[in-house]
């Protein structure tokens, strides 16, 4: 009887079973493939077709790349070494890398100067791009343009120092008088900066020292991918604040300011960039005093900046129009004036909305810097089409050179795109 009673009592487990692994079809790579590649029959067919296209491309290009040569001195020697085997002649990259990066007239013993300026660019841009960093680093950001100018162009160090002092003095004058009148602060700051630059220009020949000199390099000697980077960084940095000013001017209640902004934006957007570059090369010098010798690089920067700032102005105007009217009313209810409401409430939200459009223009502008080759500035494309392919040693090499240029542009543009996506995620505070 007791045995029967003992057998009828249910067993109660005192310890839990270890968790079992999920089925293979519901986790890991199999689940990812079923979700992303073979979710439906049309997706499966497109996946198979894409894999086939990738296979065809790789089977055609991989042998050409893997059989490539890097140590020959000419195209004919490269073809003799290949002896009918399909292969690339990458020797042109090892032979002419300095021309592709720095141009063919930049002093070879000064390559360290633009290289150092490029490395310091990341340190200068870090506190602006990543706002979690200490604000103290912004001091170097403000000094960097003048330091980079001295490193790349050379000459006496007193030139960038006088320029920096002029900007600093103009800023303090602006801060002193802008509270009473914006016009007085703005034009007063410009006047003080110009006076300091003029006096500095008179004193520089007297105070110049050989110890503070680097070999001067004219802008005509700049070239290669270095020239593309300089134009891209300079023009994008200048066009964003100018575009903001034009967007605000287009929405201004002052008829004169609005008319000037509208005419400028519509005229620049209606003219191709290559036309503006020809204007910079031929006609822009006529707008300066007769004895003034305005550098071609400066003229190109002016035209490219005008072109991109007009497009950025329209992008930012779209961001301003996307804000609800209540944001403007909230700024007014707090007793903020126009400058305070724009700086603290309106522009931060409008710029966040405009990030994709601004990045799109920045990427397009960086690629459009290759157009300067039509006005005899030898950027990386101008170097390929001009001195390199014109030489008898490498006449006939195309894929290797243009592929190298495409890789460089892709790295920069992809980096800009990834940063913009990170910034959008970082600023996505709408639904938190």
Protein backbone atom coordinates (compact mmCIF):
# COMPACT_ATOMS: atom_id res chain seq x y z
CA UNK A 1 0.00 0.00 0.00
CA UNK A 2 2.76 2.37 0.86
CA UNK A 3 4.56 1.52 -2.39
CA UNK A 4 1.47 2.36 -4.43
CA UNK A 5 1.05 5.65 -2.59
CA UNK A 6 4.69 6.56 -3.11
CA UNK A 7 4.43 5.94 -6.86
CA UNK A 8 1.37 8.22 -7.19
CA UNK A 9 3.14 11.34 -5.80
CA UNK A 10 4.22 13.75 -8.57
CA UNK A 11 7.93 14.45 -8.94
CA UNK A 12 8.94 18.06 -8.24
CA UNK A 13 12.27 19.19 -9.72
CA UNK A 14 14.39 21.18 -7.37
CA UNK A 15 16.83 22.59 -10.02
CA UNK A 16 16.05 24.15 -13.42
CA UNK A 17 17.18 22.58 -16.65
CA UNK A 18 19.94 24.49 -18.48
CA UNK A 19 18.55 26.65 -21.31
CA UNK A 20 18.65 24.93 -24.67
CA UNK A 21 20.08 26.65 -27.73
CA UNK A 22 17.47 27.99 -30.18
CA UNK A 23 16.98 26.11 -33.43
CA UNK A 24 19.55 26.85 -36.11
CA UNK A 25 16.87 28.24 -38.41
CA UNK A 26 15.81 30.81 -35.76
CA UNK A 27 19.19 32.34 -34.86
CA UNK A 28 22.58 33.32 -36.16
CA UNK A 29 23.56 33.61 -39.83
CA UNK A 30 20.69 31.43 -41.01
CA UNK A 31 18.10 33.76 -39.49
CA UNK A 32 19.89 36.81 -40.93
CA UNK A 33 19.93 35.29 -44.41
CA UNK A 34 16.28 34.29 -44.23
CA UNK A 35 15.31 37.77 -43.02
CA UNK A 36 17.48 39.92 -45.30
CA UNK A 37 18.29 37.84 -48.39
CA UNK A 38 15.60 35.18 -48.88
CA UNK A 39 12.53 36.59 -47.12
CA UNK A 40 10.37 36.29 -50.25
CA UNK A 41 10.74 34.73 -53.68
CA UNK A 42 11.45 38.09 -55.40
CA UNK A 43 14.11 38.87 -52.77
CA UNK A 44 15.66 35.45 -53.27
CA UNK A 45 15.82 35.94 -57.07
CA UNK A 46 17.40 39.38 -56.66
CA UNK A 47 19.94 37.96 -54.20
CA UNK A 48 20.94 35.18 -56.60
CA UNK A 49 21.20 37.68 -59.48
CA UNK A 50 23.35 40.03 -57.39
CA UNK A 51 25.67 37.19 -56.34
CA UNK A 52 26.07 36.19 -60.00
CA UNK A 53 26.93 39.78 -61.02
CA UNK A 54 29.49 40.04 -58.19
CA UNK A 55 30.99 36.71 -59.27
CA UNK A 56 31.33 37.87 -62.89
CA UNK A 57 32.97 41.15 -61.83
CA UNK A 58 35.41 39.47 -59.44
CA UNK A 59 36.42 36.76 -61.92
CA UNK A 60 37.23 39.50 -64.43
CA UNK A 61 39.07 41.89 -62.10
CA UNK A 62 40.78 39.75 -59.46
CA UNK A 63 43.31 38.12 -61.84
CA UNK A 64 44.09 41.57 -63.28
CA UNK A 65 44.72 42.99 -59.79
CA UNK A 66 46.52 39.97 -58.28
CA UNK A 67 48.91 39.71 -61.25
CA UNK A 68 49.73 43.42 -61.05
CA UNK A 69 53.32 44.63 -60.98
CA UNK A 70 54.67 47.31 -58.64
CA UNK A 71 58.39 47.53 -59.43
CA UNK A 72 58.79 48.42 -63.09
CA UNK A 73 59.90 51.81 -64.42
CA UNK A 74 57.72 52.13 -67.55
CA UNK A 75 54.66 50.69 -69.24
CA UNK A 76 56.73 48.88 -71.87
CA UNK A 77 58.83 47.20 -69.18
CA UNK A 78 55.65 46.24 -67.35
CA UNK A 79 54.19 44.60 -70.45
CA UNK A 80 57.39 42.73 -71.11
CA UNK A 81 57.40 41.39 -67.54
CA UNK A 82 53.78 40.27 -67.83
CA UNK A 83 54.55 38.53 -71.16
CA UNK A 84 50.94 38.31 -72.30
CA UNK A 85 49.51 37.53 -68.85
CA UNK A 86 46.57 39.70 -67.79
CA UNK A 87 47.76 42.03 -65.07
CA UNK A 88 47.72 45.63 -63.91
CA UNK A 89 50.68 47.96 -64.06
CA UNK A 90 50.56 49.45 -60.57
CA UNK A 91 54.16 50.55 -60.98
CA UNK A 92 52.88 53.92 -62.15
CA UNK A 93 51.55 54.49 -58.62
CA UNK A 94 54.87 53.70 -56.95
CA UNK A 95 56.73 55.71 -59.57
CA UNK A 96 54.51 58.82 -59.56
CA UNK A 97 52.90 58.75 -56.10
CA UNK A 98 54.47 62.11 -55.20
CA UNK A 99 52.93 63.78 -58.25
CA UNK A 100 49.53 62.25 -57.58
CA UNK A 101 49.54 63.53 -53.99
CA UNK A 102 51.51 66.80 -54.14
CA UNK A 103 51.78 67.79 -57.81
CA UNK A 104 54.87 67.87 -59.96
CA UNK A 105 56.26 71.30 -58.98
CA UNK A 106 55.90 71.28 -55.18
CA UNK A 107 59.40 71.03 -53.60
CA UNK A 108 60.15 67.40 -52.81
CA UNK A 109 62.08 68.31 -49.68
CA UNK A 110 58.97 70.07 -48.30
CA UNK A 111 56.49 67.19 -48.57
CA UNK A 112 56.49 67.03 -44.79
CA UNK A 113 54.77 70.42 -44.59
CA UNK A 114 51.41 69.57 -46.25
CA UNK A 115 51.59 66.13 -44.62
CA UNK A 116 51.88 67.73 -41.18
CA UNK A 117 49.09 70.18 -42.03
CA UNK A 118 46.87 67.23 -43.04
CA UNK A 119 47.55 65.39 -39.77
CA UNK A 120 46.88 68.51 -37.70
CA UNK A 121 43.59 68.96 -39.56
CA UNK A 122 42.08 66.03 -37.66
CA UNK A 123 43.13 67.55 -34.33
CA UNK A 124 41.67 70.92 -35.31
CA UNK A 125 38.39 69.48 -36.62
CA UNK A 126 37.83 67.09 -33.70
CA UNK A 127 36.30 69.60 -31.21
CA UNK A 128 34.01 70.94 -33.93
CA UNK A 129 32.83 67.57 -35.22
CA UNK A 130 32.66 65.80 -31.86
CA UNK A 131 31.15 68.26 -29.40
CA UNK A 132 31.72 65.99 -26.38
CA UNK A 133 35.41 66.85 -26.41
CA UNK A 134 36.76 69.60 -24.12
CA UNK A 135 36.03 73.09 -25.39
CA UNK A 136 39.62 74.10 -24.68
CA UNK A 137 40.63 72.35 -27.91
CA UNK A 138 38.76 75.04 -29.87
CA UNK A 139 41.75 77.30 -29.28
CA UNK A 140 43.82 75.15 -31.63
CA UNK A 141 40.91 75.04 -34.08
CA UNK A 142 41.03 78.82 -34.35
CA UNK A 143 44.81 78.87 -34.77
CA UNK A 144 44.96 75.99 -37.28
CA UNK A 145 44.01 77.90 -40.50
CA UNK A 146 46.89 80.32 -40.00
CA UNK A 147 49.32 77.53 -39.09
CA UNK A 148 48.26 75.46 -42.11
CA UNK A 149 48.71 78.47 -44.39
CA UNK A 150 52.27 78.95 -43.14
CA UNK A 151 53.11 75.25 -43.49
CA UNK A 152 51.77 74.86 -47.03
CA UNK A 153 52.67 78.20 -48.60
CA UNK A 154 55.74 78.96 -46.50
CA UNK A 155 57.30 82.38 -46.19
CA UNK A 156 57.72 84.28 -42.94
CA UNK A 157 55.65 83.24 -39.94
CA UNK A 158 54.83 86.88 -39.22
CA UNK A 159 52.24 86.92 -42.03
CA UNK A 160 49.85 84.40 -40.37
CA UNK A 161 50.57 85.95 -36.95
CA UNK A 162 49.52 89.42 -38.15
CA UNK A 163 46.43 87.93 -39.81
CA UNK A 164 45.50 86.13 -36.59
CA UNK A 165 45.96 89.29 -34.52
CA UNK A 166 43.71 91.17 -36.91
CA UNK A 167 40.92 88.61 -36.53
CA UNK A 168 41.27 88.56 -32.74
CA UNK A 169 41.16 92.36 -32.47
CA UNK A 170 38.19 92.54 -34.82
CA UNK A 171 36.35 89.93 -32.76
CA UNK A 172 36.86 91.85 -29.50
CA UNK A 173 35.64 95.08 -31.11
CA UNK A 174 32.61 93.25 -32.43
CA UNK A 175 31.82 91.82 -28.98
CA UNK A 176 32.22 95.28 -27.42
CA UNK A 177 29.86 97.17 -29.71
CA UNK A 178 27.39 94.54 -30.95
CA UNK A 179 25.27 94.92 -27.82
CA UNK A 180 24.50 98.51 -28.81
CA UNK A 181 24.33 98.04 -32.56
CA UNK A 182 25.00 95.01 -34.73
CA UNK A 183 26.13 97.19 -37.64
CA UNK A 184 28.53 99.15 -35.44
CA UNK A 185 30.06 95.98 -34.02
CA UNK A 186 30.32 94.22 -37.38
CA UNK A 187 31.81 97.04 -39.43
CA UNK A 188 33.91 98.27 -36.49
CA UNK A 189 35.48 94.83 -36.17
CA UNK A 190 36.24 94.70 -39.90
CA UNK A 191 37.79 98.18 -39.79
CA UNK A 192 40.06 97.33 -36.85
CA UNK A 193 41.15 94.07 -38.50
CA UNK A 194 41.99 95.87 -41.77
CA UNK A 195 44.04 98.53 -39.92
CA UNK A 196 46.09 95.85 -38.15
CA UNK A 197 46.65 93.97 -41.42
CA UNK A 198 47.78 97.17 -43.15
CA UNK A 199 50.20 98.11 -40.37
CA UNK A 200 51.46 94.53 -40.23
CA UNK A 201 52.05 94.54 -43.98
CA UNK A 202 54.30 97.57 -43.54
CA UNK A 203 56.20 96.10 -40.61
CA UNK A 204 56.69 92.53 -41.88
CA UNK A 205 59.69 93.32 -44.17
CA UNK A 206 61.41 95.00 -41.22
CA UNK A 207 60.75 92.26 -38.68
CA UNK A 208 61.17 89.26 -40.96
CA UNK A 209 63.82 86.79 -39.85
CA UNK A 210 65.39 83.86 -41.64
CA UNK A 211 64.75 81.73 -38.55
CA UNK A 212 61.01 82.21 -38.96
CA UNK A 213 60.99 81.42 -42.68
CA UNK A 214 59.96 78.43 -44.72
CA UNK A 215 60.61 78.14 -48.43
CA UNK A 216 57.85 80.09 -50.13
CA UNK A 217 55.73 78.03 -52.54
CA UNK A 218 53.46 79.86 -55.03
CA UNK A 219 49.93 78.57 -55.55
CA UNK A 220 50.80 77.54 -59.09
CA UNK A 221 53.04 74.84 -57.60
CA UNK A 222 50.23 73.28 -55.57
CA UNK A 223 48.72 70.18 -57.10
CA UNK A 224 47.67 66.58 -56.75
CA UNK A 225 45.19 65.32 -54.21
CA UNK A 226 46.56 67.90 -51.77
CA UNK A 227 44.93 70.62 -53.89
CA UNK A 228 41.57 68.81 -53.85
CA UNK A 229 41.70 68.49 -50.06
CA UNK A 230 42.64 72.15 -49.60
CA UNK A 231 39.82 73.37 -51.83
CA UNK A 232 37.27 71.01 -50.31
CA UNK A 233 38.07 71.79 -46.67
CA UNK A 234 38.39 75.55 -47.22
CA UNK A 235 35.28 76.01 -49.36
CA UNK A 236 33.03 73.82 -47.20
CA UNK A 237 34.20 75.58 -44.03
CA UNK A 238 33.48 79.00 -45.53
CA UNK A 239 30.25 78.16 -47.36
CA UNK A 240 28.33 76.87 -44.31
CA UNK A 241 28.32 80.19 -42.36
CA UNK A 242 27.76 82.18 -45.57
CA UNK A 243 24.89 79.86 -46.49
CA UNK A 244 23.32 80.39 -43.05
CA UNK A 245 23.56 84.16 -43.51
CA UNK A 246 21.99 83.95 -46.99
CA UNK A 247 19.16 81.73 -45.73
CA UNK A 248 18.38 84.16 -42.93
CA UNK A 249 18.69 87.09 -45.36
CA UNK A 250 16.19 85.48 -47.71
CA UNK A 251 13.66 85.30 -44.87
CA UNK A 252 14.45 88.81 -43.64
CA UNK A 253 11.74 91.47 -43.37
CA UNK A 254 14.14 94.09 -44.72
CA UNK A 255 13.41 94.45 -48.47
CA UNK A 256 16.99 95.34 -49.47
CA UNK A 257 18.56 92.43 -47.58
CA UNK A 258 15.98 89.99 -48.90
CA UNK A 259 16.36 91.20 -52.50
CA UNK A 260 20.16 90.92 -52.41
CA UNK A 261 19.99 87.42 -50.92
CA UNK A 262 17.40 86.22 -53.45
CA UNK A 263 19.30 87.65 -56.43
CA UNK A 264 22.58 86.16 -55.27
CA UNK A 265 21.12 82.69 -54.62
CA UNK A 266 19.11 82.48 -57.83
CA UNK A 267 21.92 83.82 -60.01
CA UNK A 268 24.59 81.50 -58.60
CA UNK A 269 22.29 78.46 -58.76
CA UNK A 270 21.53 79.23 -62.39
CA UNK A 271 25.18 79.24 -63.51
CA UNK A 272 27.32 76.09 -63.91
CA UNK A 273 30.35 75.80 -61.65
CA UNK A 274 32.72 75.45 -64.59
CA UNK A 275 31.55 78.86 -65.84
CA UNK A 276 32.33 80.41 -62.46
CA UNK A 277 35.79 78.85 -62.57
CA UNK A 278 36.48 80.44 -65.94
CA UNK A 279 35.29 83.73 -64.46
CA UNK A 280 37.69 83.24 -61.55
CA UNK A 281 40.55 82.56 -63.95
CA UNK A 282 39.92 85.38 -66.42
CA UNK A 283 37.51 88.05 -65.18
CA UNK A 284 37.61 88.14 -61.38
CA UNK A 285 40.94 89.97 -61.33
CA UNK A 286 39.24 92.98 -63.00
CA UNK A 287 37.08 93.49 -59.88
CA UNK A 288 40.17 94.21 -57.75
CA UNK A 289 42.40 97.31 -57.82
CA UNK A 290 44.66 97.54 -60.89
CA UNK A 291 47.89 96.99 -58.99
CA UNK A 292 46.50 94.11 -56.90
CA UNK A 293 47.77 90.64 -57.78
CA UNK A 294 45.09 88.31 -56.46
CA UNK A 295 46.24 84.73 -56.22
CA UNK A 296 44.49 82.23 -58.52
CA UNK A 297 43.89 79.85 -55.63
CA UNK A 298 42.10 82.63 -53.72
CA UNK A 299 39.98 83.45 -56.77
CA UNK A 300 38.99 79.79 -57.15
CA UNK A 301 38.13 79.57 -53.44
CA UNK A 302 35.91 82.66 -53.76
CA UNK A 303 33.97 81.22 -56.70
CA UNK A 304 33.55 77.70 -55.33
CA UNK A 305 32.49 79.12 -51.95
CA UNK A 306 29.91 81.36 -53.62
CA UNK A 307 28.59 78.40 -55.61
CA UNK A 308 28.24 76.03 -52.65
CA UNK A 309 26.94 78.67 -50.23
CA UNK A 310 23.98 79.37 -52.54
CA UNK A 311 22.97 75.70 -52.47
CA UNK A 312 23.55 75.38 -48.73
CA UNK A 313 21.38 78.47 -48.20
CA UNK A 314 18.45 76.74 -49.89
CA UNK A 315 18.96 73.59 -47.81
CA UNK A 316 19.01 75.60 -44.59
CA UNK A 317 15.98 77.60 -45.72
CA UNK A 318 14.15 74.30 -46.07
CA UNK A 319 15.14 73.42 -42.51
CA UNK A 320 13.86 76.79 -41.28
CA UNK A 321 10.58 76.31 -43.12
CA UNK A 322 10.17 72.84 -41.61
CA UNK A 323 10.09 74.21 -38.06
CA UNK A 324 6.60 74.81 -36.66
CA UNK A 325 5.55 78.39 -36.06
CA UNK A 326 5.31 77.68 -32.36
CA UNK A 327 9.12 77.62 -32.07
CA UNK A 328 9.31 81.23 -33.21
CA UNK A 329 6.48 82.19 -30.89
CA UNK A 330 8.19 80.42 -27.99
CA UNK A 331 11.37 82.41 -28.62
CA UNK A 332 9.38 85.65 -28.62
CA UNK A 333 7.57 84.68 -25.43
CA UNK A 334 10.92 84.25 -23.67
CA UNK A 335 11.82 87.83 -24.49
CA UNK A 336 14.71 86.91 -26.81
CA UNK A 337 15.73 89.27 -29.57
CA UNK A 338 16.25 88.11 -33.16
CA UNK A 339 19.92 87.17 -32.79
CA UNK A 340 19.35 85.27 -29.52
CA UNK A 341 16.30 83.37 -30.79
CA UNK A 342 18.14 82.31 -33.94
CA UNK A 343 21.30 81.28 -32.12
CA UNK A 344 19.65 79.47 -29.20
CA UNK A 345 16.38 78.05 -30.52
CA UNK A 346 15.77 78.25 -34.27
CA UNK A 347 19.10 77.51 -35.96
CA UNK A 348 20.07 74.46 -33.83
CA UNK A 349 16.82 72.73 -34.83
CA UNK A 350 16.98 73.87 -38.46
CA UNK A 351 20.59 72.73 -38.86
CA UNK A 352 19.75 69.33 -37.41
CA UNK A 353 17.02 68.91 -40.02
CA UNK A 354 19.38 70.13 -42.76
CA UNK A 355 22.27 67.74 -42.00
CA UNK A 356 21.57 65.29 -44.89
CA UNK A 357 21.28 68.09 -47.43
CA UNK A 358 24.41 69.88 -46.22
CA UNK A 359 26.42 66.65 -46.32
CA UNK A 360 25.14 65.91 -49.81
CA UNK A 361 26.33 69.32 -51.02
CA UNK A 362 29.68 68.90 -49.22
CA UNK A 363 30.29 65.55 -50.92
CA UNK A 364 29.32 66.95 -54.31
CA UNK A 365 31.50 70.00 -53.78
CA UNK A 366 34.51 67.88 -52.87
CA UNK A 367 34.13 65.86 -56.06
CA UNK A 368 33.60 69.03 -58.11
CA UNK A 369 37.04 70.28 -57.10
CA UNK A 370 38.37 68.17 -59.97
CA UNK A 371 36.95 70.80 -62.35
CA UNK A 372 39.85 73.12 -61.53
CA UNK A 373 41.92 71.12 -63.99
CA UNK A 374 40.19 73.05 -66.82
CA UNK A 375 41.84 76.29 -65.65
CA UNK A 376 45.36 74.86 -65.45
CA UNK A 377 45.38 73.90 -61.77
CA UNK A 378 46.85 70.41 -61.64
CA UNK A 379 44.77 68.53 -59.09
CA UNK A 380 44.92 64.73 -59.06
CA UNK A 381 42.80 64.44 -62.23
CA UNK A 382 44.80 67.19 -63.91
CA UNK A 383 48.01 65.37 -63.01
CA UNK A 384 46.69 62.14 -64.54
CA UNK A 385 45.44 63.75 -67.72
CA UNK A 386 48.44 66.05 -68.05
CA UNK A 387 52.02 65.31 -67.01
CA UNK A 388 51.67 61.59 -66.22
CA UNK A 389 49.82 60.42 -69.35
CA UNK A 390 51.78 62.88 -71.48
CA UNK A 391 55.05 61.19 -70.58
CA UNK A 392 56.30 58.49 -72.92
CA UNK A 393 56.94 56.09 -70.02
CA UNK A 394 53.30 55.83 -68.90
CA UNK A 395 51.27 56.84 -71.94
CA UNK A 396 48.48 54.26 -72.11
CA UNK A 397 47.98 53.61 -68.38
CA UNK A 398 44.43 54.60 -67.49
CA UNK A 399 42.64 52.13 -65.22
CA UNK A 400 45.31 52.06 -62.54
CA UNK A 401 45.55 55.83 -62.23
CA UNK A 402 41.85 56.63 -62.27
CA UNK A 403 41.11 53.73 -59.94
CA UNK A 404 43.61 55.16 -57.44
CA UNK A 405 41.94 58.58 -57.67
CA UNK A 406 38.51 56.97 -57.24
CA UNK A 407 39.67 55.13 -54.10
CA UNK A 408 40.95 58.36 -52.54
CA UNK A 409 37.72 60.23 -53.26
CA UNK A 410 35.64 57.29 -52.04
CA UNK A 411 37.50 57.16 -48.71
CA UNK A 412 36.92 60.86 -48.05
CA UNK A 413 33.29 60.91 -49.20
CA UNK A 414 32.44 57.70 -47.34
CA UNK A 415 33.98 59.12 -44.18
CA UNK A 416 31.86 62.27 -44.50
CA UNK A 417 28.74 60.16 -45.04
CA UNK A 418 29.42 57.97 -42.03
CA UNK A 419 30.05 60.98 -39.82
CA UNK A 420 26.75 62.55 -40.91
CA UNK A 421 24.86 59.36 -40.06
CA UNK A 422 26.54 59.24 -36.64
CA UNK A 423 25.64 62.89 -36.07
CA UNK A 424 22.02 62.28 -37.02
CA UNK A 425 21.82 59.40 -34.53
CA UNK A 426 23.57 61.50 -31.89
CA UNK A 427 21.10 64.38 -32.33
CA UNK A 428 17.98 62.20 -32.70
CA UNK A 429 16.23 63.48 -29.57
CA UNK A 430 12.72 63.86 -30.97
CA UNK A 431 11.19 60.72 -29.46
CA UNK A 432 13.35 60.07 -26.42
